[in-house]
Amino acid sequence: MSDPKTTPSTETTSLVIEPALALLEFSSIAAGILAADAMVKRATLDVVQAGTVQPGRFLVLLGGAVAEVEESLKAGKEAAPDVLTDHIFLPGVHKDVVAALAATRTLTPGHDALGIVETATVPAAIHAADKGVKGAEVTLMEIRLADGLGGKGLVFFTGLVADVEAALEIVDGALEASQKVRQVVIPQIHEDIAKVIRQNTQFGAHLGWKPA
């Protein structure tokens, strides 16, 4: 998606996760809170974030030392296994994924292809973002998760066509069939659509709708 008037833009984030990240998605809010409590009691963590997302799911995000995060993840899985819809453990999460989780959008001029990964769950989207940006020379433009998406995840990569194709091939091999909805590569994306996507991937934002 090339635009000579567009300059790379990122915003700083207060979310610092190093070197490991885990995220658990529960279909029961009550059980999710129970599991979150079990996780923070099991080990010492640097980052703990938790809360509800649509449609009625509960997410718990953990960050810290690899061994501590892994131990907490084990506690969460044990606490509510019947309502654990998905989870990930990334012992060396990419810094661009952390930035994207804090709602940073990275816009890089001169890229002529857009890759989109649509997942069934939030953990799957984060996994896809991490695999893609680590495995190919692409820019992680944005991650959108759950709210306004019926619980699904969206990951946007930009780059040269071959690189975006490589990233999505890596992602496809990393995700399970149940985690996948669809993924597409759009080479030489039309400037009208590129401009809209760069501005915002939410339809209502272009019309001035207020967030729900």
Protein backbone atom coordinates (compact mmCIF):
# COMPACT_ATOMS: atom_id res chain seq x y z
CA MET A 1 0.00 0.00 0.00
CA SER A 2 2.12 2.85 -1.26
CA ASP A 3 1.48 6.46 -0.43
CA PRO A 4 4.35 8.97 -0.72
CA LYS A 5 2.55 11.32 1.63
CA THR A 6 2.30 8.74 4.38
CA THR A 7 5.15 8.55 6.87
CA PRO A 8 5.82 5.70 9.29
CA SER A 9 3.86 6.34 12.46
CA THR A 10 3.79 4.57 15.78
CA GLU A 11 2.67 5.58 19.22
CA THR A 12 4.46 4.66 22.42
CA THR A 13 2.83 2.12 24.69
CA SER A 14 2.92 1.53 28.41
CA LEU A 15 2.43 -2.20 27.90
CA VAL A 16 5.86 -3.79 28.39
CA ILE A 17 6.08 -7.55 28.12
CA GLU A 18 9.47 -9.24 28.23
CA PRO A 19 10.32 -11.89 27.46
CA ALA A 20 7.19 -14.09 27.65
CA LEU A 21 3.48 -13.60 27.02
CA ALA A 22 0.50 -15.84 27.65
CA LEU A 23 -3.13 -15.16 26.89
CA LEU A 24 -6.12 -17.26 27.83
CA GLU A 25 -9.68 -16.92 26.51
CA PHE A 26 -12.60 -18.24 28.56
CA SER A 27 -16.23 -18.63 27.48
CA SER A 28 -17.36 -18.08 31.09
CA ILE A 29 -16.64 -14.72 32.72
CA ALA A 30 -17.01 -16.07 36.26
CA ALA A 31 -14.70 -18.98 35.59
CA GLY A 32 -12.26 -16.67 33.84
CA ILE A 33 -11.96 -14.47 36.91
CA LEU A 34 -11.50 -17.58 39.05
CA ALA A 35 -8.72 -18.74 36.74
CA ALA A 36 -7.07 -15.31 36.74
CA ASP A 37 -6.94 -15.39 40.51
CA ALA A 38 -5.36 -18.83 40.44
CA MET A 39 -2.75 -17.66 37.95
CA VAL A 40 -1.53 -14.65 39.89
CA LYS A 41 -1.39 -16.72 43.07
CA ARG A 42 0.78 -19.36 41.40
CA ALA A 43 3.71 -17.18 40.26
CA THR A 44 5.16 -13.67 40.25
CA LEU A 45 4.30 -11.79 37.06
CA ASP A 46 5.33 -8.45 35.60
CA VAL A 47 2.11 -7.86 33.64
CA VAL A 48 -1.43 -8.95 34.48
CA GLN A 49 -4.37 -7.68 32.44
CA ALA A 50 -7.86 -9.18 32.44
CA GLY A 51 -11.37 -8.28 31.38
CA THR A 52 -14.41 -9.03 29.27
CA VAL A 53 -14.67 -8.89 25.49
CA GLN A 54 -17.49 -9.61 23.10
CA PRO A 55 -19.33 -11.93 22.89
CA GLY A 56 -19.30 -12.65 26.62
CA ARG A 57 -15.75 -13.95 26.85
CA PHE A 58 -13.05 -13.24 29.42
CA LEU A 59 -9.40 -12.66 28.54
CA VAL A 60 -6.38 -12.92 30.81
CA LEU A 61 -3.04 -11.56 29.60
CA LEU A 62 0.17 -12.43 31.45
CA GLY A 63 3.72 -11.22 30.95
CA GLY A 64 7.03 -11.79 32.65
CA ALA A 65 9.84 -14.29 32.96
CA VAL A 66 9.38 -17.44 30.88
CA ALA A 67 9.22 -19.89 33.78
CA GLU A 68 6.83 -17.71 35.80
CA VAL A 69 4.44 -17.14 32.90
CA GLU A 70 4.49 -20.82 31.98
CA GLU A 71 3.67 -21.81 35.57
CA SER A 72 0.81 -19.30 35.75
CA LEU A 73 -0.54 -20.53 32.44
CA LYS A 74 -0.61 -24.05 33.82
CA ALA A 75 -2.62 -22.85 36.82
CA GLY A 76 -5.13 -21.09 34.57
CA LYS A 77 -5.64 -24.15 32.41
CA GLU A 78 -6.18 -26.29 35.48
CA ALA A 79 -8.64 -23.87 37.08
CA ALA A 80 -11.29 -23.88 34.34
CA PRO A 81 -10.47 -26.36 31.58
CA ASP A 82 -14.09 -26.84 30.51
CA VAL A 83 -14.52 -23.18 29.47
CA LEU A 84 -11.02 -22.46 28.12
CA THR A 85 -11.75 -21.73 24.46
CA ASP A 86 -8.17 -21.00 23.40
CA HIS A 87 -4.78 -19.98 24.75
CA ILE A 88 -1.24 -19.13 23.65
CA PHE A 89 2.20 -19.11 25.22
CA LEU A 90 4.87 -17.03 23.50
CA PRO A 91 8.21 -17.31 25.33
CA GLY A 92 9.85 -14.76 23.03
CA VAL A 93 7.04 -12.50 21.90
CA HIS A 94 7.96 -9.97 19.19
CA LYS A 95 8.06 -6.35 20.30
CA ASP A 96 5.79 -5.29 17.42
CA VAL A 97 3.10 -7.65 18.70
CA VAL A 98 3.30 -6.05 22.14
CA ALA A 99 2.98 -2.60 20.57
CA ALA A 100 -0.01 -3.69 18.48
CA LEU A 101 -1.74 -5.12 21.55
CA ALA A 102 -1.56 -1.64 23.04
CA ALA A 103 -3.48 -0.31 20.00
CA THR A 104 -0.43 1.03 18.16
CA ARG A 105 -0.93 1.12 14.37
CA THR A 106 2.23 1.05 12.26
CA LEU A 107 1.93 2.70 8.85
CA THR A 108 4.86 2.27 6.48
CA PRO A 109 4.94 3.89 3.03
CA GLY A 110 6.05 2.03 -0.07
CA HIS A 111 4.38 -1.30 0.68
CA ASP A 112 2.31 -2.62 -2.18
CA ALA A 113 0.48 -5.57 -0.64
CA LEU A 114 -1.91 -6.12 2.23
CA GLY A 115 -2.22 -9.44 4.04
CA ILE A 116 -5.20 -10.11 6.28
CA VAL A 117 -5.58 -12.97 8.74
CA GLU A 118 -9.03 -13.50 10.25
CA THR A 119 -9.16 -15.87 13.21
CA ALA A 120 -11.89 -17.45 15.31
CA THR A 121 -10.31 -16.46 18.63
CA VAL A 122 -8.19 -13.75 20.20
CA PRO A 123 -5.22 -16.01 21.10
CA ALA A 124 -5.09 -17.28 17.52
CA ALA A 125 -4.80 -13.72 16.19
CA ILE A 126 -1.92 -12.89 18.52
CA HIS A 127 -0.20 -16.14 17.58
CA ALA A 128 -0.65 -15.31 13.90
CA ALA A 129 0.78 -11.82 14.35
CA ASP A 130 3.84 -13.13 16.19
CA LYS A 131 4.54 -15.90 13.66
CA GLY A 132 4.08 -13.66 10.64
CA VAL A 133 6.24 -10.77 11.78
CA LYS A 134 9.00 -13.11 12.95
CA GLY A 135 9.00 -15.28 9.86
CA ALA A 136 8.90 -12.77 7.02
CA GLU A 137 10.00 -9.24 6.13
CA VAL A 138 6.60 -7.67 6.75
CA THR A 139 5.21 -4.83 8.81
CA LEU A 140 2.58 -5.66 11.42
CA MET A 141 0.15 -2.84 10.74
CA GLU A 142 -2.56 -3.63 13.25
CA ILE A 143 -4.16 -6.25 15.47
CA ARG A 144 -7.87 -6.02 16.25
CA LEU A 145 -9.42 -8.30 18.83
CA ALA A 146 -12.91 -9.48 19.77
CA ASP A 147 -14.94 -6.32 20.42
CA GLY A 148 -16.91 -5.31 17.36
CA LEU A 149 -15.81 -8.52 15.64
CA GLY A 150 -18.05 -11.06 17.35
CA GLY A 151 -15.08 -12.42 19.25
CA LYS A 152 -12.87 -12.91 16.20
CA GLY A 153 -9.40 -11.52 15.61
CA LEU A 154 -7.92 -9.60 12.69
CA VAL A 155 -4.25 -9.18 11.81
CA PHE A 156 -3.00 -6.85 9.06
CA PHE A 157 0.44 -7.21 7.46
CA THR A 158 1.94 -4.94 4.81
CA GLY A 159 4.98 -5.44 2.63
CA LEU A 160 6.10 -6.65 -0.74
CA VAL A 161 3.79 -9.23 -2.28
CA ALA A 162 6.22 -12.14 -1.90
CA ASP A 163 6.93 -11.26 1.72
CA VAL A 164 3.27 -10.94 2.64
CA GLU A 165 2.55 -14.26 0.94
CA ALA A 166 5.39 -15.84 2.91
CA ALA A 167 4.04 -14.46 6.19
CA LEU A 168 0.55 -15.82 5.56
CA GLU A 169 1.94 -19.21 4.55
CA ILE A 170 3.80 -19.35 7.86
CA VAL A 171 0.65 -18.33 9.73
CA ASP A 172 -1.42 -20.95 7.94
CA GLY A 173 0.98 -23.65 9.04
CA ALA A 174 1.03 -22.42 12.64
CA LEU A 175 -2.72 -22.24 13.27
CA GLU A 176 -5.08 -25.13 13.80
CA ALA A 177 -8.06 -25.56 11.50
CA SER A 178 -10.49 -24.57 14.24
CA GLN A 179 -8.66 -21.26 14.74
CA LYS A 180 -8.85 -20.17 11.11
CA VAL A 181 -11.59 -18.15 9.46
CA ARG A 182 -9.87 -16.81 6.35
CA GLN A 183 -6.70 -15.20 5.13
CA VAL A 184 -6.09 -13.18 1.98
CA VAL A 185 -3.28 -11.38 0.19
CA ILE A 186 -4.20 -8.31 -1.84
CA PRO A 187 -1.36 -7.33 -4.19
CA GLN A 188 -1.20 -3.77 -5.48
CA ILE A 189 -4.17 -2.74 -3.38
CA HIS A 190 -6.16 0.09 -4.92
CA GLU A 191 -5.26 3.48 -3.50
CA ASP A 192 -8.86 4.26 -2.51
CA ILE A 193 -9.03 1.16 -0.31
CA ALA A 194 -5.45 1.62 0.92
CA LYS A 195 -6.30 5.14 2.08
CA VAL A 196 -9.35 3.92 3.99
CA ILE A 197 -7.46 1.04 5.62
CA ARG A 198 -4.58 3.29 6.64
CA GLN A 199 -6.98 5.72 8.25
CA ASN A 200 -9.01 3.16 10.21
CA THR A 201 -10.20 -0.42 9.70
CA GLN A 202 -13.48 0.24 11.55
CA PHE A 203 -16.35 1.35 9.34
CA GLY A 204 -18.03 3.55 11.93
CA ALA A 205 -14.89 5.60 12.50
CA HIS A 206 -15.13 6.99 8.96
CA LEU A 207 -18.68 8.19 9.61
CA GLY A 208 -18.09 9.62 13.05
CA TRP A 209 -19.89 6.90 14.97
CA LYS A 210 -19.19 6.91 18.67
CA PRO A 211 -17.74 3.69 20.16
CA ALA A 212 -20.37 1.44 21.78
